[in-house]
């Protein structure tokens, strides 16, 4: 019997022959789902950012159903709700499961072929809901030395809140389209070694995606690091 992780891999590679019944649909219907055209499983332990500095490797949790407002206070309340243990400290692994409201949700490792991560493609390929949901995403930025005075520049459709090494550093709210560098944090320091970025993206309806990169004081992309999904990988 295929696991959710195996289903994602098959869908991403466009090679689905059979599938689990997921989210109340039949195995036959799940098997006819289109593959995620912009996502693929990671093929190496580490990955450099793209030419414009965008981070293209993430661990993403199956979406959590979350109806309601996208206003600042509602989003802050949603991301501060404890859905699963250690949600602000855990560094998950590909295929790990958490239980949210008696449902088992799975973490999936993905690389995006583009500057952004298309969460609609991600969820649709897994036969998961794409509207009125919250996505958790985590990645590890490995810096070869301390890199001071950088800013985390992000975008999302729709609202999102972001943390670096456990500190909340930027949030954008309301029903919005993803625009590069839509939100920019205060000055930060990437510490030598692993730095953990954590994001919560909340979508009301329709398309949903996000992007993230670091920029210097002149607005130029910072690219002198690697990305992994393991704090021990550099």
Protein backbone atom coordinates (compact mmCIF):
# COMPACT_ATOMS: atom_id res chain seq x y z
CA UNK A 1 0.00 0.00 0.00
CA UNK A 2 1.44 3.33 -0.99
CA UNK A 3 2.12 5.98 1.64
CA UNK A 4 1.22 9.64 1.22
CA UNK A 5 4.89 10.33 0.61
CA UNK A 6 4.99 7.76 -2.18
CA UNK A 7 1.85 9.26 -3.67
CA UNK A 8 3.42 12.72 -3.72
CA UNK A 9 6.60 11.41 -5.35
CA UNK A 10 4.60 9.62 -8.03
CA UNK A 11 2.44 12.65 -8.68
CA UNK A 12 5.40 15.01 -8.85
CA UNK A 13 7.17 12.74 -11.32
CA UNK A 14 4.02 12.27 -13.37
CA UNK A 15 4.14 8.50 -12.99
CA UNK A 16 1.00 7.64 -11.03
CA UNK A 17 -0.29 4.16 -11.67
CA UNK A 18 -2.32 3.76 -8.50
CA UNK A 19 -3.02 5.78 -5.37
CA UNK A 20 -4.53 5.76 -1.92
CA UNK A 21 -8.01 7.10 -1.43
CA UNK A 22 -7.25 10.55 -0.02
CA UNK A 23 -9.55 13.20 1.43
CA UNK A 24 -12.67 11.22 0.68
CA UNK A 25 -12.04 10.53 -3.01
CA UNK A 26 -11.62 7.17 -4.69
CA UNK A 27 -8.28 5.63 -5.64
CA UNK A 28 -9.26 5.91 -9.30
CA UNK A 29 -10.00 9.63 -8.97
CA UNK A 30 -6.77 10.23 -7.03
CA UNK A 31 -4.81 8.43 -9.73
CA UNK A 32 -6.14 10.79 -12.41
CA UNK A 33 -4.96 13.90 -10.59
CA UNK A 34 -2.51 15.93 -12.66
CA UNK A 35 1.08 15.94 -11.37
CA UNK A 36 2.37 19.07 -9.69
CA UNK A 37 4.03 20.73 -12.69
CA UNK A 38 6.27 23.11 -10.72
CA UNK A 39 7.43 20.79 -7.91
CA UNK A 40 9.70 17.79 -7.64
CA UNK A 41 11.32 15.70 -4.89
CA UNK A 42 14.82 16.87 -3.81
CA UNK A 43 17.59 15.03 -5.64
CA UNK A 44 20.60 16.12 -3.55
CA UNK A 45 21.42 16.76 0.13
CA UNK A 46 21.82 20.52 -0.36
CA UNK A 47 20.69 23.10 -2.89
CA UNK A 48 21.93 26.60 -3.69
CA UNK A 49 19.42 29.43 -4.06
CA UNK A 50 18.53 30.36 -7.61
CA UNK A 51 20.18 33.18 -9.58
CA UNK A 52 17.94 35.75 -7.86
CA UNK A 53 18.49 34.32 -4.40
CA UNK A 54 15.13 32.57 -4.02
CA UNK A 55 14.96 29.54 -1.73
CA UNK A 56 13.67 26.57 -3.71
CA UNK A 57 13.71 23.71 -1.16
CA UNK A 58 11.10 23.30 1.59
CA UNK A 59 9.37 20.84 3.88
CA UNK A 60 5.62 21.46 3.67
CA UNK A 61 2.91 19.97 5.85
CA UNK A 62 -0.40 18.79 4.43
CA UNK A 63 -2.80 21.75 4.68
CA UNK A 64 -4.76 22.31 7.87
CA UNK A 65 -8.38 23.36 7.39
CA UNK A 66 -8.87 26.84 8.77
CA UNK A 67 -11.92 28.94 7.80
CA UNK A 68 -12.13 32.60 8.71
CA UNK A 69 -10.72 36.07 8.23
CA UNK A 70 -7.33 37.00 6.76
CA UNK A 71 -7.10 40.20 8.80
CA UNK A 72 -4.06 40.79 11.01
CA UNK A 73 -5.63 39.73 14.32
CA UNK A 74 -7.30 36.63 12.87
CA UNK A 75 -4.11 35.47 11.15
CA UNK A 76 -2.03 36.04 14.28
CA UNK A 77 -4.55 34.04 16.31
CA UNK A 78 -4.48 31.25 13.72
CA UNK A 79 -0.70 30.91 13.61
CA UNK A 80 -0.41 31.06 17.41
CA UNK A 81 -2.88 28.18 17.80
CA UNK A 82 -1.14 24.94 18.73
CA UNK A 83 -2.07 22.41 16.05
CA UNK A 84 0.60 19.84 16.90
CA UNK A 85 3.35 19.52 19.54
CA UNK A 86 6.55 21.57 19.09
CA UNK A 87 5.22 23.28 15.96
CA UNK A 88 7.56 26.27 16.49
CA UNK A 89 10.66 24.20 17.22
CA UNK A 90 10.41 20.90 15.35
CA UNK A 91 12.63 20.30 12.35
CA UNK A 92 10.57 17.65 10.59
CA UNK A 93 11.75 15.03 8.14
CA UNK A 94 10.23 14.00 4.84
CA UNK A 95 7.36 11.60 5.49
CA UNK A 96 7.00 12.41 9.19
CA UNK A 97 3.43 12.61 10.49
CA UNK A 98 1.67 14.84 12.99
CA UNK A 99 -1.87 14.56 14.31
CA UNK A 100 -4.12 17.60 13.93
CA UNK A 101 -7.73 17.30 15.13
CA UNK A 102 -7.55 13.49 14.99
CA UNK A 103 -6.23 13.55 11.41
CA UNK A 104 -2.73 12.39 10.43
CA UNK A 105 -0.93 14.99 8.31
CA UNK A 106 2.37 14.37 6.52
CA UNK A 107 5.46 16.50 5.92
CA UNK A 108 6.69 16.51 2.30
CA UNK A 109 10.10 17.56 1.00
CA UNK A 110 9.83 19.49 -2.27
CA UNK A 111 11.98 21.52 -4.64
CA UNK A 112 10.30 24.13 -6.80
CA UNK A 113 11.39 24.65 -10.39
CA UNK A 114 10.45 28.32 -10.10
CA UNK A 115 11.22 31.17 -7.72
CA UNK A 116 7.96 30.52 -5.86
CA UNK A 117 6.35 27.47 -4.27
CA UNK A 118 2.94 26.79 -5.76
CA UNK A 119 0.89 25.53 -2.82
CA UNK A 120 -2.16 25.01 -5.00
CA UNK A 121 -0.20 22.53 -7.13
CA UNK A 122 1.15 20.91 -3.96
CA UNK A 123 -2.24 20.40 -2.32
CA UNK A 124 -4.16 19.52 -5.49
CA UNK A 125 -1.65 16.79 -6.41
CA UNK A 126 -2.27 15.21 -3.00
CA UNK A 127 -6.07 15.59 -3.28
CA UNK A 128 -5.98 17.97 -0.32
CA UNK A 129 -8.05 21.15 0.17
CA UNK A 130 -6.63 24.35 -1.33
CA UNK A 131 -9.06 26.91 0.13
CA UNK A 132 -9.62 27.97 3.75
CA UNK A 133 -6.40 26.29 4.81
CA UNK A 134 -3.13 26.92 6.63
CA UNK A 135 0.19 25.57 5.30
CA UNK A 136 3.29 25.15 7.48
CA UNK A 137 6.65 25.32 5.69
CA UNK A 138 10.18 24.85 7.07
CA UNK A 139 13.66 25.00 5.58
CA UNK A 140 17.28 25.29 6.71
CA UNK A 141 19.68 27.95 5.40
CA UNK A 142 23.32 27.00 5.98
CA UNK A 143 25.59 30.05 6.14
CA UNK A 144 29.38 29.62 5.72
CA UNK A 145 29.97 32.53 8.12
CA UNK A 146 27.94 35.17 9.97
CA UNK A 147 26.15 37.33 7.37
CA UNK A 148 24.89 40.52 9.06
CA UNK A 149 22.48 43.20 7.87
CA UNK A 150 20.32 41.01 5.64
CA UNK A 151 16.57 41.15 5.34
CA UNK A 152 14.14 38.31 4.75
CA UNK A 153 12.04 39.34 1.73
CA UNK A 154 8.89 37.31 1.19
CA UNK A 155 5.65 37.11 -0.75
CA UNK A 156 2.52 35.03 -0.38
CA UNK A 157 -0.99 34.51 -1.65
CA UNK A 158 -2.66 35.18 0.70
CA UNK A 159 -1.50 36.01 4.28
CA UNK A 160 1.67 34.68 5.87
CA UNK A 161 3.82 34.94 9.00
CA UNK A 162 7.55 34.12 9.06
CA UNK A 163 10.11 33.17 11.73
CA UNK A 164 13.91 32.98 11.62
CA UNK A 165 15.59 30.89 14.31
CA UNK A 166 12.46 31.05 16.43
CA UNK A 167 11.91 34.83 16.17
CA UNK A 168 8.91 36.20 14.30
CA UNK A 169 10.40 38.62 11.74
CA UNK A 170 7.71 39.49 9.16
CA UNK A 171 4.01 39.09 8.45
CA UNK A 172 1.72 40.16 5.62
CA UNK A 173 -2.04 40.02 5.80
CA UNK A 174 -5.37 40.10 4.00
CA UNK A 175 -6.33 38.61 0.64
CA UNK A 176 -3.40 39.51 -1.60
CA UNK A 177 -1.57 38.35 -4.69
CA UNK A 178 2.02 37.12 -4.43
CA UNK A 179 4.37 39.97 -5.37
CA UNK A 180 8.14 39.55 -5.10
CA UNK A 181 9.54 41.20 -1.93
CA UNK A 182 6.03 42.18 -0.83
CA UNK A 183 7.13 41.99 2.80
CA UNK A 184 10.65 42.78 4.03
CA UNK A 185 11.89 42.16 7.57
CA UNK A 186 14.07 44.32 9.77
CA UNK A 187 17.85 43.82 9.57
CA UNK A 188 18.85 40.30 10.56
CA UNK A 189 22.00 38.23 10.90
CA UNK A 190 22.34 34.82 9.32
CA UNK A 191 24.51 32.99 11.83
CA UNK A 192 27.31 30.71 10.73
CA UNK A 193 25.85 27.23 10.37
CA UNK A 194 22.17 26.25 10.14
CA UNK A 195 19.42 28.89 10.31
CA UNK A 196 15.82 27.68 10.40
CA UNK A 197 13.11 29.53 8.49
CA UNK A 198 9.53 28.71 9.39
CA UNK A 199 6.44 30.06 7.64
CA UNK A 200 2.67 29.79 8.01
CA UNK A 201 0.72 30.62 4.85
CA UNK A 202 -3.05 31.04 5.08
CA UNK A 203 -5.23 30.93 1.98
CA UNK A 204 -8.87 31.91 1.75
CA UNK A 205 -9.63 30.66 -1.74
CA UNK A 206 -8.22 30.21 -5.23
CA UNK A 207 -4.52 30.19 -6.08
CA UNK A 208 -1.96 30.11 -3.30
CA UNK A 209 1.84 30.29 -3.29
CA UNK A 210 4.83 31.88 -1.55
CA UNK A 211 8.43 32.92 -2.14
CA UNK A 212 11.36 33.90 0.05
CA UNK A 213 14.91 35.20 -0.29
CA UNK A 214 17.43 37.29 1.61
CA UNK A 215 18.47 40.71 0.35
CA UNK A 216 21.31 43.00 1.43
CA UNK A 217 21.11 46.66 2.36
CA UNK A 218 21.09 47.66 -1.31
CA UNK A 219 18.28 45.26 -2.14
CA UNK A 220 20.57 42.80 -3.92
CA UNK A 221 19.96 39.08 -3.43
CA UNK A 222 22.14 37.23 -0.92
CA UNK A 223 23.25 33.90 -2.39
CA UNK A 224 26.27 32.80 -0.36
CA UNK A 225 24.58 29.90 1.40
CA UNK A 226 23.09 26.48 0.77
CA UNK A 227 19.67 25.13 1.64
CA UNK A 228 18.96 21.74 3.19
CA UNK A 229 16.23 20.04 5.15
CA UNK A 230 18.57 18.81 7.84
CA UNK A 231 20.38 21.05 10.31
CA UNK A 232 23.44 18.82 10.03
CA UNK A 233 23.76 19.22 6.24
CA UNK A 234 26.05 22.00 4.97
